[in-house]
Amino acid sequence: MATMFGEMMGRILLDLSDEAISRLDSLKQKRNLPRAELLREAVEEYLERQAQTSIKEAFGLWGEDAPDGLEYERKLREEW
């Protein structure tokens, strides 16, 4: 395990398409950062986005598409 900025870091082997590597190299040149740092950023952003998605899904059965509560109740009662 390596240490960077006081954090323990493991290593992984990652296979990417030639196009993805080319795009990563372009970004590397543009931002003047090593590939590894760009990949760490990407993974951290992805994991954070996944955590936020899980939290949003936990609040309510319908998520953001929740119907009006009274309207939903009226529709249910119409079925009686």
Protein backbone atom coordinates (compact mmCIF):
# COMPACT_ATOMS: atom_id res chain seq x y z
CA MET A 1 0.00 0.00 0.00
CA ALA A 2 1.19 3.47 -0.87
CA THR A 3 0.59 6.69 1.04
CA MET A 4 -0.49 9.91 -0.61
CA PHE A 5 -1.36 13.07 1.31
CA GLY A 6 -1.42 10.99 4.49
CA GLU A 7 -3.99 8.53 3.12
CA MET A 8 -3.33 4.84 2.57
CA MET A 9 -3.91 3.86 -1.04
CA GLY A 10 -4.25 0.48 -2.67
CA ARG A 11 -3.45 -0.32 -6.27
CA ILE A 12 -5.69 -1.75 -8.94
CA LEU A 13 -5.18 -2.85 -12.52
CA LEU A 14 -7.64 -1.23 -14.90
CA ASP A 15 -8.29 -2.09 -18.55
CA LEU A 16 -9.61 0.76 -20.69
CA SER A 17 -10.39 1.03 -24.37
CA ASP A 18 -7.85 2.78 -26.60
CA GLU A 19 -10.34 5.61 -27.11
CA ALA A 20 -10.82 6.08 -23.35
CA ILE A 21 -7.05 6.19 -22.87
CA SER A 22 -6.71 8.72 -25.69
CA ARG A 23 -9.40 10.92 -24.15
CA LEU A 24 -7.78 10.56 -20.73
CA ASP A 25 -4.42 11.59 -22.21
CA SER A 26 -6.03 14.67 -23.79
CA LEU A 27 -7.49 15.62 -20.43
CA LYS A 28 -4.12 14.94 -18.80
CA GLN A 29 -2.47 17.46 -21.13
CA LYS A 30 -5.25 20.01 -20.68
CA ARG A 31 -5.27 19.85 -16.87
CA ASN A 32 -1.57 19.07 -16.44
CA LEU A 33 -2.31 16.18 -14.07
CA PRO A 34 -1.20 12.55 -14.13
CA ARG A 35 -3.63 9.88 -15.32
CA ALA A 36 -3.79 8.37 -11.85
CA GLU A 37 -5.00 11.64 -10.33
CA LEU A 38 -7.67 12.05 -13.02
CA LEU A 39 -8.88 8.50 -12.42
CA ARG A 40 -8.96 9.02 -8.64
CA GLU A 41 -11.09 12.14 -9.15
CA ALA A 42 -13.42 10.28 -11.50
CA VAL A 43 -13.88 7.37 -9.09
CA GLU A 44 -14.50 9.69 -6.12
CA GLU A 45 -17.10 11.68 -8.11
CA TYR A 46 -18.80 8.48 -9.26
CA LEU A 47 -18.97 7.05 -5.74
CA GLU A 48 -20.36 10.32 -4.36
CA ARG A 49 -23.01 10.45 -7.10
CA GLN A 50 -24.00 6.84 -6.35
CA ALA A 51 -24.32 7.65 -2.66
CA GLN A 52 -26.54 10.66 -3.43
CA THR A 53 -28.70 8.56 -5.76
CA SER A 54 -29.19 5.96 -3.03
CA ILE A 55 -30.20 8.64 -0.54
CA LYS A 56 -32.72 10.15 -2.98
CA GLU A 57 -34.22 6.73 -3.69
CA ALA A 58 -34.67 6.12 0.02
CA PHE A 59 -36.98 9.13 0.42
CA GLY A 60 -40.38 8.11 -0.83
CA LEU A 61 -41.66 5.38 -3.06
CA TRP A 62 -41.98 7.60 -6.12
CA GLY A 63 -38.89 9.73 -5.65
CA GLU A 64 -39.16 13.06 -7.45
CA ASP A 65 -42.26 11.94 -9.36
CA ALA A 66 -44.41 11.76 -6.23
CA PRO A 67 -48.07 12.49 -7.01
CA ASP A 68 -50.10 14.90 -4.95
CA GLY A 69 -51.19 13.00 -1.83
CA LEU A 70 -54.82 14.15 -1.89
CA GLU A 71 -55.20 13.42 -5.60
CA TYR A 72 -53.78 9.94 -5.10
CA GLU A 73 -56.19 9.29 -2.24
CA ARG A 74 -59.15 10.45 -4.36
CA LYS A 75 -58.18 8.07 -7.16
CA LEU A 76 -57.99 5.20 -4.71
CA ARG A 77 -61.42 6.00 -3.28
CA GLU A 78 -62.93 6.19 -6.77
CA GLU A 79 -62.14 2.51 -7.12
CA TRP A 80 -64.49 1.65 -4.23
